[in-house]
């Protein structure tokens, strides 16, 4: 049993590709429309990085506290895949943020 590897990779790709794109577009639209004042460049960069980082470990902790061993195994697989894929993804997103911010 357990999640298929395609599902695990799909979850990681959505978290590391789709959500950062939504975050970048949201920040760009909000600042561009004047809905929020322009942030200090470092504060903006840190805010955008928050969209990019892999999922935290809180779900695994909840599974452990409730005795859900299958949930612990599945979330561990998802986290491992996310952290391995995060190496190139976070690097690429940081470069994209800098290109968009400092063009």
PDB file of N, CA and C in Angstrom:
ATOM      1  N   UNK A   1       0.813  -1.184   0.000  1.00  0.00           N
ATOM      2  CA  UNK A   1       0.000   0.000   0.000  1.00  0.00           C
ATOM      3  C   UNK A   1       0.859   1.251   0.000  1.00  0.00           C
ATOM      4  N   UNK A   2       0.199   2.312   0.156  1.00  0.00           N
ATOM      5  CA  UNK A   2       0.873   3.600   0.214  1.00  0.00           C
ATOM      6  C   UNK A   2       0.667   4.384  -1.064  1.00  0.00           C
ATOM      7  N   UNK A   3       1.179   5.573  -1.029  1.00  0.00           N
ATOM      8  CA  UNK A   3       1.036   6.457  -2.172  1.00  0.00           C
ATOM      9  C   UNK A   3       1.969   6.039  -3.303  1.00  0.00           C
ATOM     10  N   UNK A   4       1.473   6.135  -4.517  1.00  0.00           N
ATOM     11  CA  UNK A   4       2.278   5.878  -5.699  1.00  0.00           C
ATOM     12  C   UNK A   4       3.332   6.983  -5.816  1.00  0.00           C
ATOM     13  N   UNK A   5       4.483   6.650  -6.382  1.00  0.00           N
ATOM     14  CA  UNK A   5       5.558   7.627  -6.503  1.00  0.00           C
ATOM     15  C   UNK A   5       5.138   8.819  -7.366  1.00  0.00           C
ATOM     16  N   UNK A   6       4.272   8.591  -8.344  1.00  0.00           N
ATOM     17  CA  UNK A   6       3.794   9.705  -9.177  1.00  0.00           C
ATOM     18  C   UNK A   6       2.996  10.705  -8.342  1.00  0.00           C
ATOM     19  N   UNK A   7       2.243  10.213  -7.378  1.00  0.00           N
ATOM     20  CA  UNK A   7       1.479  11.097  -6.490  1.00  0.00           C
ATOM     21  C   UNK A   7       2.428  11.890  -5.603  1.00  0.00           C
ATOM     22  N   UNK A   8       3.429  11.234  -5.072  1.00  0.00           N
ATOM     23  CA  UNK A   8       4.401  11.898  -4.197  1.00  0.00           C
ATOM     24  C   UNK A   8       5.146  12.991  -4.974  1.00  0.00           C
ATOM     25  N   UNK A   9       5.601  12.677  -6.181  1.00  0.00           N
ATOM     26  CA  UNK A   9       6.306  13.669  -6.996  1.00  0.00           C
ATOM     27  C   UNK A   9       5.347  14.788  -7.400  1.00  0.00           C
ATOM     28  N   UNK A  10       4.106  14.435  -7.714  1.00  0.00           N
ATOM     29  CA  UNK A  10       3.111  15.453  -8.060  1.00  0.00           C
ATOM     30  C   UNK A  10       2.865  16.430  -6.930  1.00  0.00           C
ATOM     31  N   UNK A  11       2.748  15.920  -5.719  1.00  0.00           N
ATOM     32  CA  UNK A  11       2.561  16.789  -4.549  1.00  0.00           C
ATOM     33  C   UNK A  11       3.764  17.725  -4.402  1.00  0.00           C
ATOM     34  N   UNK A  12       4.957  17.170  -4.540  1.00  0.00           N
ATOM     35  CA  UNK A  12       6.173  17.983  -4.404  1.00  0.00           C
ATOM     36  C   UNK A  12       6.254  19.051  -5.493  1.00  0.00           C
ATOM     37  N   UNK A  13       5.902  18.692  -6.712  1.00  0.00           N
ATOM     38  CA  UNK A  13       5.972  19.674  -7.802  1.00  0.00           C
ATOM     39  C   UNK A  13       4.951  20.794  -7.628  1.00  0.00           C
ATOM     40  N   UNK A  14       3.757  20.461  -7.188  1.00  0.00           N
ATOM     41  CA  UNK A  14       2.762  21.509  -6.935  1.00  0.00           C
ATOM     42  C   UNK A  14       3.271  22.447  -5.850  1.00  0.00           C
ATOM     43  N   UNK A  15       3.840  21.872  -4.788  1.00  0.00           N
ATOM     44  CA  UNK A  15       4.326  22.692  -3.672  1.00  0.00           C
ATOM     45  C   UNK A  15       5.527  23.541  -4.065  1.00  0.00           C
ATOM     46  N   UNK A  16       6.379  23.022  -4.937  1.00  0.00           N
ATOM     47  CA  UNK A  16       7.628  23.707  -5.263  1.00  0.00           C
ATOM     48  C   UNK A  16       7.589  24.486  -6.574  1.00  0.00           C
ATOM     49  N   UNK A  17       6.553  24.292  -7.398  1.00  0.00           N
ATOM     50  CA  UNK A  17       6.473  25.009  -8.671  1.00  0.00           C
ATOM     51  C   UNK A  17       5.209  25.873  -8.738  1.00  0.00           C
ATOM     52  N   UNK A  18       4.058  25.269  -8.499  1.00  0.00           N
ATOM     53  CA  UNK A  18       2.797  26.016  -8.643  1.00  0.00           C
ATOM     54  C   UNK A  18       2.619  27.066  -7.552  1.00  0.00           C
ATOM     55  N   UNK A  19       2.818  26.701  -6.297  1.00  0.00           N
ATOM     56  CA  UNK A  19       2.609  27.667  -5.217  1.00  0.00           C
ATOM     57  C   UNK A  19       3.576  28.845  -5.255  1.00  0.00           C
ATOM     58  N   UNK A  20       4.867  28.652  -5.559  1.00  0.00           N
ATOM     59  CA  UNK A  20       5.730  29.827  -5.701  1.00  0.00           C
ATOM     60  C   UNK A  20       5.298  30.742  -6.847  1.00  0.00           C
ATOM     61  N   UNK A  21       4.805  30.156  -7.937  1.00  0.00           N
ATOM     62  CA  UNK A  21       4.332  30.988  -9.054  1.00  0.00           C
ATOM     63  C   UNK A  21       3.130  31.826  -8.622  1.00  0.00           C
ATOM     64  N   UNK A  22       2.235  31.233  -7.863  1.00  0.00           N
ATOM     65  CA  UNK A  22       1.075  31.980  -7.339  1.00  0.00           C
ATOM     66  C   UNK A  22       1.546  33.084  -6.392  1.00  0.00           C
ATOM     67  N   UNK A  23       2.513  32.772  -5.542  1.00  0.00           N
ATOM     68  CA  UNK A  23       3.042  33.776  -4.620  1.00  0.00           C
ATOM     69  C   UNK A  23       3.702  34.928  -5.334  1.00  0.00           C
ATOM     70  N   UNK A  24       4.500  34.627  -6.352  1.00  0.00           N
ATOM     71  CA  UNK A  24       5.169  35.673  -7.117  1.00  0.00           C
ATOM     72  C   UNK A  24       4.146  36.549  -7.833  1.00  0.00           C
ATOM     73  N   UNK A  25       3.155  35.927  -8.451  1.00  0.00           N
ATOM     74  CA  UNK A  25       2.119  36.693  -9.150  1.00  0.00           C
ATOM     75  C   UNK A  25       1.321  37.556  -8.179  1.00  0.00           C
ATOM     76  N   UNK A  26       1.005  37.016  -7.020  1.00  0.00           N
ATOM     77  CA  UNK A  26       0.253  37.773  -6.011  1.00  0.00           C
ATOM     78  C   UNK A  26       1.031  38.985  -5.543  1.00  0.00           C
ATOM     79  N   UNK A  27       2.310  38.794  -5.207  1.00  0.00           N
ATOM     80  CA  UNK A  27       3.137  39.918  -4.759  1.00  0.00           C
ATOM     81  C   UNK A  27       3.259  40.958  -5.858  1.00  0.00           C
ATOM     82  N   UNK A  28       3.484  40.510  -7.080  1.00  0.00           N
ATOM     83  CA  UNK A  28       3.652  41.417  -8.209  1.00  0.00           C
ATOM     84  C   UNK A  28       2.387  42.233  -8.444  1.00  0.00           C
ATOM     85  N   UNK A  29       1.234  41.574  -8.399  1.00  0.00           N
ATOM     86  CA  UNK A  29      -0.033  42.275  -8.612  1.00  0.00           C
ATOM     87  C   UNK A  29      -0.357  43.242  -7.473  1.00  0.00           C
ATOM     88  N   UNK A  30      -0.138  42.818  -6.232  1.00  0.00           N
ATOM     89  CA  UNK A  30      -0.458  43.681  -5.090  1.00  0.00           C
ATOM     90  C   UNK A  30       0.419  44.927  -5.056  1.00  0.00           C
ATOM     91  N   UNK A  31       1.714  44.753  -5.267  1.00  0.00           N
ATOM     92  CA  UNK A  31       2.618  45.905  -5.252  1.00  0.00           C
ATOM     93  C   UNK A  31       2.394  46.768  -6.493  1.00  0.00           C
ATOM     94  N   UNK A  32       2.202  46.120  -7.647  1.00  0.00           N
ATOM     95  CA  UNK A  32       1.999  46.858  -8.891  1.00  0.00           C
ATOM     96  C   UNK A  32       0.711  47.669  -8.912  1.00  0.00           C
ATOM     97  N   UNK A  33      -0.330  47.165  -8.261  1.00  0.00           N
ATOM     98  CA  UNK A  33      -1.613  47.871  -8.252  1.00  0.00           C
ATOM     99  C   UNK A  33      -1.681  48.947  -7.175  1.00  0.00           C
ATOM    100  N   UNK A  34      -0.713  48.967  -6.288  1.00  0.00           N
ATOM    101  CA  UNK A  34      -0.725  49.940  -5.207  1.00  0.00           C
ATOM    102  C   UNK A  34      -1.545  49.494  -4.008  1.00  0.00           C
ATOM    103  N   UNK A  35      -2.046  48.252  -4.020  1.00  0.00           N
ATOM    104  CA  UNK A  35      -2.831  47.737  -2.892  1.00  0.00           C
ATOM    105  C   UNK A  35      -1.981  47.641  -1.627  1.00  0.00           C
ATOM    106  N   UNK A  36      -0.705  47.345  -1.798  1.00  0.00           N
ATOM    107  CA  UNK A  36       0.239  47.358  -0.677  1.00  0.00           C
ATOM    108  C   UNK A  36       1.409  48.241  -1.094  1.00  0.00           C
ATOM    109  N   UNK A  37       1.999  48.930  -0.142  1.00  0.00           N
ATOM    110  CA  UNK A  37       3.144  49.776  -0.495  1.00  0.00           C
ATOM    111  C   UNK A  37       4.338  48.905  -0.878  1.00  0.00           C
ATOM    112  N   UNK A  38       5.208  49.423  -1.717  1.00  0.00           N
ATOM    113  CA  UNK A  38       6.403  48.654  -2.072  1.00  0.00           C
ATOM    114  C   UNK A  38       7.206  48.312  -0.813  1.00  0.00           C
ATOM    115  N   UNK A  39       7.634  47.076  -0.745  1.00  0.00           N
ATOM    116  CA  UNK A  39       8.415  46.624   0.400  1.00  0.00           C
ATOM    117  C   UNK A  39       9.886  46.918   0.173  1.00  0.00           C
ATOM    118  N   UNK A  40      10.626  46.931   1.259  1.00  0.00           N
ATOM    119  CA  UNK A  40      12.072  46.945   1.165  1.00  0.00           C
ATOM    120  C   UNK A  40      12.475  45.720   0.337  1.00  0.00           C
ATOM    121  N   UNK A  41      13.444  45.817  -0.559  1.00  0.00           N
ATOM    122  CA  UNK A  41      13.801  44.671  -1.409  1.00  0.00           C
ATOM    123  C   UNK A  41      14.116  43.399  -0.626  1.00  0.00           C
ATOM    124  N   UNK A  42      14.797  43.511   0.506  1.00  0.00           N
ATOM    125  CA  UNK A  42      15.106  42.323   1.294  1.00  0.00           C
ATOM    126  C   UNK A  42      13.849  41.727   1.905  1.00  0.00           C
ATOM    127  N   UNK A  43      12.950  42.555   2.407  1.00  0.00           N
ATOM    128  CA  UNK A  43      11.694  42.057   2.980  1.00  0.00           C
ATOM    129  C   UNK A  43      10.852  41.379   1.904  1.00  0.00           C
ATOM    130  N   UNK A  44      10.833  41.950   0.711  1.00  0.00           N
ATOM    131  CA  UNK A  44      10.088  41.343  -0.390  1.00  0.00           C
ATOM    132  C   UNK A  44      10.690  39.991  -0.764  1.00  0.00           C
ATOM    133  N   UNK A  45      12.013  39.919  -0.820  1.00  0.00           N
ATOM    134  CA  UNK A  45      12.692  38.665  -1.159  1.00  0.00           C
ATOM    135  C   UNK A  45      12.387  37.588  -0.120  1.00  0.00           C
ATOM    136  N   UNK A  46      12.452  37.933   1.154  1.00  0.00           N
ATOM    137  CA  UNK A  46      12.163  36.966   2.215  1.00  0.00           C
ATOM    138  C   UNK A  46      10.710  36.515   2.147  1.00  0.00           C
ATOM    139  N   UNK A  47       9.794  37.442   1.874  1.00  0.00           N
ATOM    140  CA  UNK A  47       8.382  37.084   1.737  1.00  0.00           C
ATOM    141  C   UNK A  47       8.184  36.101   0.590  1.00  0.00           C
ATOM    142  N   UNK A  48       8.838  36.353  -0.528  1.00  0.00           N
ATOM    143  CA  UNK A  48       8.704  35.451  -1.664  1.00  0.00           C
ATOM    144  C   UNK A  48       9.340  34.090  -1.394  1.00  0.00           C
ATOM    145  N   UNK A  49      10.428  34.061  -0.657  1.00  0.00           N
ATOM    146  CA  UNK A  49      11.067  32.788  -0.319  1.00  0.00           C
ATOM    147  C   UNK A  49      10.131  31.931   0.537  1.00  0.00           C
ATOM    148  N   UNK A  50       9.280  32.564   1.341  1.00  0.00           N
ATOM    149  CA  UNK A  50       8.329  31.809   2.150  1.00  0.00           C
ATOM    150  C   UNK A  50       7.383  30.975   1.292  1.00  0.00           C
ATOM    151  N   UNK A  51       7.067  31.440   0.106  1.00  0.00           N
ATOM    152  CA  UNK A  51       6.230  30.666  -0.809  1.00  0.00           C
ATOM    153  C   UNK A  51       6.976  29.467  -1.384  1.00  0.00           C
ATOM    154  N   UNK A  52       8.298  29.521  -1.379  1.00  0.00           N
ATOM    155  CA  UNK A  52       9.120  28.559  -2.095  1.00  0.00           C
ATOM    156  C   UNK A  52       9.571  27.377  -1.254  1.00  0.00           C
ATOM    157  N   UNK A  53       9.714  27.563   0.025  1.00  0.00           N
ATOM    158  CA  UNK A  53      10.298  26.511   0.859  1.00  0.00           C
ATOM    159  C   UNK A  53       9.384  25.289   0.970  1.00  0.00           C
ATOM    160  N   UNK A  54       9.977  24.100   1.127  1.00  0.00           N
ATOM    161  CA  UNK A  54       9.172  22.881   1.258  1.00  0.00           C
ATOM    162  C   UNK A  54       8.303  22.892   2.516  1.00  0.00           C
ATOM    163  N   UNK A  55       7.367  21.977   2.541  1.00  0.00           N
ATOM    164  CA  UNK A  55       6.436  21.843   3.650  1.00  0.00           C
ATOM    165  C   UNK A  55       7.181  21.525   4.948  1.00  0.00           C
ATOM    166  N   UNK A  56       6.650  22.040   6.064  1.00  0.00           N
ATOM    167  CA  UNK A  56       7.229  21.756   7.379  1.00  0.00           C
ATOM    168  C   UNK A  56       6.864  20.362   7.863  1.00  0.00           C
ATOM    169  N   UNK A  57       7.234  20.064   9.076  1.00  0.00           N
ATOM    170  CA  UNK A  57       7.048  18.714   9.613  1.00  0.00           C
ATOM    171  C   UNK A  57       5.871  18.580  10.565  1.00  0.00           C
ATOM    172  N   UNK A  58       5.005  19.575  10.643  1.00  0.00           N
ATOM    173  CA  UNK A  58       3.908  19.539  11.601  1.00  0.00           C
ATOM    174  C   UNK A  58       2.944  18.382  11.350  1.00  0.00           C
ATOM    175  N   UNK A  59       2.701  18.025  10.097  1.00  0.00           N
ATOM    176  CA  UNK A  59       1.765  16.937   9.800  1.00  0.00           C
ATOM    177  C   UNK A  59       2.303  15.610  10.324  1.00  0.00           C
ATOM    178  N   UNK A  60       3.601  15.371  10.189  1.00  0.00           N
ATOM    179  CA  UNK A  60       4.193  14.142  10.715  1.00  0.00           C
ATOM    180  C   UNK A  60       4.056  14.092  12.229  1.00  0.00           C
ATOM    181  N   UNK A  61       4.271  15.212  12.889  1.00  0.00           N
ATOM    182  CA  UNK A  61       4.125  15.269  14.342  1.00  0.00           C
ATOM    183  C   UNK A  61       2.698  14.933  14.753  1.00  0.00           C
ATOM    184  N   UNK A  62       1.723  15.446  14.035  1.00  0.00           N
ATOM    185  CA  UNK A  62       0.328  15.143  14.331  1.00  0.00           C
ATOM    186  C   UNK A  62       0.055  13.650  14.160  1.00  0.00           C
ATOM    187  N   UNK A  63       0.606  13.051  13.081  1.00  0.00           N
ATOM    188  CA  UNK A  63       0.430  11.610  12.866  1.00  0.00           C
ATOM    189  C   UNK A  63       1.047  10.795  14.005  1.00  0.00           C
ATOM    190  N   UNK A  64       2.219  11.206  14.463  1.00  0.00           N
ATOM    191  CA  UNK A  64       2.879  10.500  15.569  1.00  0.00           C
ATOM    192  C   UNK A  64       2.041  10.603  16.835  1.00  0.00           C
ATOM    193  N   UNK A  65       1.554  11.795  17.135  1.00  0.00           N
ATOM    194  CA  UNK A  65       0.762  11.989  18.345  1.00  0.00           C
ATOM    195  C   UNK A  65      -0.531  11.181  18.337  1.00  0.00           C
ATOM    196  N   UNK A  66      -1.089  10.934  17.162  1.00  0.00           N
ATOM    197  CA  UNK A  66      -2.334  10.174  17.059  1.00  0.00           C
ATOM    198  C   UNK A  66      -2.097   8.704  16.741  1.00  0.00           C
ATOM    199  N   UNK A  67      -0.831   8.281  16.722  1.00  0.00           N
ATOM    200  CA  UNK A  67      -0.507   6.871  16.511  1.00  0.00           C
ATOM    201  C   UNK A  67      -0.747   6.387  15.092  1.00  0.00           C
ATOM    202  N   UNK A  68      -0.707   7.256  14.122  1.00  0.00           N
ATOM    203  CA  UNK A  68      -0.960   6.888  12.731  1.00  0.00           C
ATOM    204  C   UNK A  68       0.373   6.592  12.048  1.00  0.00           C
ATOM    205  N   UNK A  69       0.835   5.344  12.160  1.00  0.00           N
ATOM    206  CA  UNK A  69       2.132   4.963  11.590  1.00  0.00           C
ATOM    207  C   UNK A  69       2.140   5.034  10.069  1.00  0.00           C
ATOM    208  N   UNK A  70       1.030   4.670   9.424  1.00  0.00           N
ATOM    209  CA  UNK A  70       0.960   4.751   7.966  1.00  0.00           C
ATOM    210  C   UNK A  70       1.080   6.209   7.517  1.00  0.00           C
ATOM    211  N   UNK A  71       0.447   7.115   8.253  1.00  0.00           N
ATOM    212  CA  UNK A  71       0.540   8.535   7.929  1.00  0.00           C
ATOM    213  C   UNK A  71       1.953   9.055   8.075  1.00  0.00           C
ATOM    214  N   UNK A  72       2.667   8.564   9.078  1.00  0.00           N
ATOM    215  CA  UNK A  72       4.061   8.971   9.284  1.00  0.00           C
ATOM    216  C   UNK A  72       4.909   8.529   8.099  1.00  0.00           C
ATOM    217  N   UNK A  73       4.731   7.295   7.641  1.00  0.00           N
ATOM    218  CA  UNK A  73       5.503   6.800   6.495  1.00  0.00           C
ATOM    219  C   UNK A  73       5.205   7.595   5.231  1.00  0.00           C
ATOM    220  N   UNK A  74       3.937   7.862   4.980  1.00  0.00           N
ATOM    221  CA  UNK A  74       3.562   8.583   3.760  1.00  0.00           C
ATOM    222  C   UNK A  74       4.062  10.023   3.784  1.00  0.00           C
ATOM    223  N   UNK A  75       3.890  10.713   4.909  1.00  0.00           N
ATOM    224  CA  UNK A  75       4.370  12.096   4.963  1.00  0.00           C
ATOM    225  C   UNK A  75       5.896  12.141   4.884  1.00  0.00           C
ATOM    226  N   UNK A  76       6.568  11.154   5.431  1.00  0.00           N
ATOM    227  CA  UNK A  76       8.032  11.105   5.337  1.00  0.00           C
ATOM    228  C   UNK A  76       8.468  10.960   3.877  1.00  0.00           C
ATOM    229  N   UNK A  77       7.754  10.137   3.103  1.00  0.00           N
ATOM    230  CA  UNK A  77       8.074  10.000   1.672  1.00  0.00           C
ATOM    231  C   UNK A  77       7.859  11.322   0.941  1.00  0.00           C
ATOM    232  N   UNK A  78       6.757  11.995   1.253  1.00  0.00           N
ATOM    233  CA  UNK A  78       6.465  13.280   0.610  1.00  0.00           C
ATOM    234  C   UNK A  78       7.541  14.299   0.963  1.00  0.00           C
ATOM    235  N   UNK A  79       7.919  14.357   2.244  1.00  0.00           N
ATOM    236  CA  UNK A  79       8.942  15.318   2.671  1.00  0.00           C
ATOM    237  C   UNK A  79      10.280  15.046   2.008  1.00  0.00           C
ATOM    238  N   UNK A  80      10.670  13.775   1.938  1.00  0.00           N
ATOM    239  CA  UNK A  80      11.949  13.438   1.312  1.00  0.00           C
ATOM    240  C   UNK A  80      11.962  13.902  -0.147  1.00  0.00           C
ATOM    241  N   UNK A  81      10.901  13.604  -0.863  1.00  0.00           N
ATOM    242  CA  UNK A  81      10.814  14.012  -2.264  1.00  0.00           C
ATOM    243  C   UNK A  81      10.852  15.532  -2.381  1.00  0.00           C
ATOM    244  N   UNK A  82      10.120  16.226  -1.519  1.00  0.00           N
ATOM    245  CA  UNK A  82      10.109  17.691  -1.568  1.00  0.00           C
ATOM    246  C   UNK A  82      11.483  18.272  -1.300  1.00  0.00           C
ATOM    247  N   UNK A  83      12.180  17.757  -0.303  1.00  0.00           N
ATOM    248  CA  UNK A  83      13.476  18.335   0.042  1.00  0.00           C
ATOM    249  C   UNK A  83      14.524  18.050  -1.026  1.00  0.00           C
ATOM    250  N   UNK A  84      14.446  16.885  -1.676  1.00  0.00           N
ATOM    251  CA  UNK A  84      15.382  16.594  -2.764  1.00  0.00           C
ATOM    252  C   UNK A  84      15.101  17.515  -3.956  1.00  0.00           C
ATOM    253  N   UNK A  85      13.826  17.678  -4.306  1.00  0.00           N
ATOM    254  CA  UNK A  85      13.466  18.549  -5.429  1.00  0.00           C
ATOM    255  C   UNK A  85      13.620  20.033  -5.085  1.00  0.00           C
ATOM    256  N   UNK A  86      13.660  20.356  -3.797  1.00  0.00           N
ATOM    257  CA  UNK A  86      13.785  21.757  -3.385  1.00  0.00           C
ATOM    258  C   UNK A  86      15.145  22.347  -3.732  1.00  0.00           C
ATOM    259  N   UNK A  87      16.158  21.522  -3.830  1.00  0.00           N
ATOM    260  CA  UNK A  87      17.494  22.044  -4.119  1.00  0.00           C
ATOM    261  C   UNK A  87      17.502  22.812  -5.442  1.00  0.00           C
ATOM    262  N   UNK A  88      17.087  22.197  -6.560  1.00  0.00           N
ATOM    263  CA  UNK A  88      17.057  22.992  -7.797  1.00  0.00           C
ATOM    264  C   UNK A  88      15.892  23.984  -7.833  1.00  0.00           C
ATOM    265  N   UNK A  89      14.761  23.630  -7.231  1.00  0.00           N
ATOM    266  CA  UNK A  89      13.581  24.503  -7.311  1.00  0.00           C
ATOM    267  C   UNK A  89      13.796  25.819  -6.570  1.00  0.00           C
ATOM    268  N   UNK A  90      14.297  25.767  -5.356  1.00  0.00           N
ATOM    269  CA  UNK A  90      14.510  26.992  -4.589  1.00  0.00           C
ATOM    270  C   UNK A  90      15.572  27.863  -5.263  1.00  0.00           C
ATOM    271  N   UNK A  91      16.615  27.232  -5.794  1.00  0.00           N
ATOM    272  CA  UNK A  91      17.640  27.987  -6.515  1.00  0.00           C
ATOM    273  C   UNK A  91      17.039  28.702  -7.714  1.00  0.00           C
ATOM    274  N   UNK A  92      16.237  27.996  -8.483  1.00  0.00           N
ATOM    275  CA  UNK A  92      15.616  28.603  -9.669  1.00  0.00           C
ATOM    276  C   UNK A  92      14.662  29.724  -9.277  1.00  0.00           C
ATOM    277  N   UNK A  93      13.861  29.529  -8.225  1.00  0.00           N
ATOM    278  CA  UNK A  93      12.921  30.569  -7.811  1.00  0.00           C
ATOM    279  C   UNK A  93      13.636  31.796  -7.264  1.00  0.00           C
ATOM    280  N   UNK A  94      14.731  31.598  -6.532  1.00  0.00           N
ATOM    281  CA  UNK A  94      15.480  32.761  -6.046  1.00  0.00           C
ATOM    282  C   UNK A  94      16.015  33.570  -7.213  1.00  0.00           C
ATOM    283  N   UNK A  95      16.489  32.891  -8.244  1.00  0.00           N
ATOM    284  CA  UNK A  95      16.972  33.603  -9.430  1.00  0.00           C
ATOM    285  C   UNK A  95      15.812  34.321 -10.119  1.00  0.00           C
ATOM    286  N   UNK A  96      14.666  33.666 -10.221  1.00  0.00           N
ATOM    287  CA  UNK A  96      13.499  34.297 -10.854  1.00  0.00           C
ATOM    288  C   UNK A  96      13.052  35.521 -10.070  1.00  0.00           C
ATOM    289  N   UNK A  97      13.023  35.431  -8.742  1.00  0.00           N
ATOM    290  CA  UNK A  97      12.630  36.570  -7.913  1.00  0.00           C
ATOM    291  C   UNK A  97      13.566  37.748  -8.150  1.00  0.00           C
ATOM    292  N   UNK A  98      14.863  37.468  -8.212  1.00  0.00           N
ATOM    293  CA  UNK A  98      15.821  38.559  -8.404  1.00  0.00           C
ATOM    294  C   UNK A  98      15.693  39.187  -9.793  1.00  0.00           C
ATOM    295  N   UNK A  99      15.442  38.367 -10.804  1.00  0.00           N
ATOM    296  CA  UNK A  99      15.259  38.891 -12.157  1.00  0.00           C
ATOM    297  C   UNK A  99      14.017  39.781 -12.206  1.00  0.00           C
ATOM    298  N   UNK A 100      12.913  39.328 -11.617  1.00  0.00           N
ATOM    299  CA  UNK A 100      11.681  40.101 -11.616  1.00  0.00           C
ATOM    300  C   UNK A 100      11.844  41.370 -10.794  1.00  0.00           C
ATOM    301  N   UNK A 101      12.492  41.268  -9.662  1.00  0.00           N
ATOM    302  CA  UNK A 101      12.616  42.415  -8.747  1.00  0.00           C
ATOM    303  C   UNK A 101      13.595  43.461  -9.236  1.00  0.00           C
ATOM    304  N   UNK A 102      14.702  43.032  -9.828  1.00  0.00           N
ATOM    305  CA  UNK A 102      15.769  43.955 -10.175  1.00  0.00           C
ATOM    306  C   UNK A 102      15.975  44.104 -11.681  1.00  0.00           C
ATOM    307  N   UNK A 103      14.926  43.940 -12.463  1.00  0.00           N
ATOM    308  CA  UNK A 103      15.076  44.081 -13.921  1.00  0.00           C
ATOM    309  C   UNK A 103      15.144  45.500 -14.347  1.00  0.00           C
TER     310      UNK A 103
END
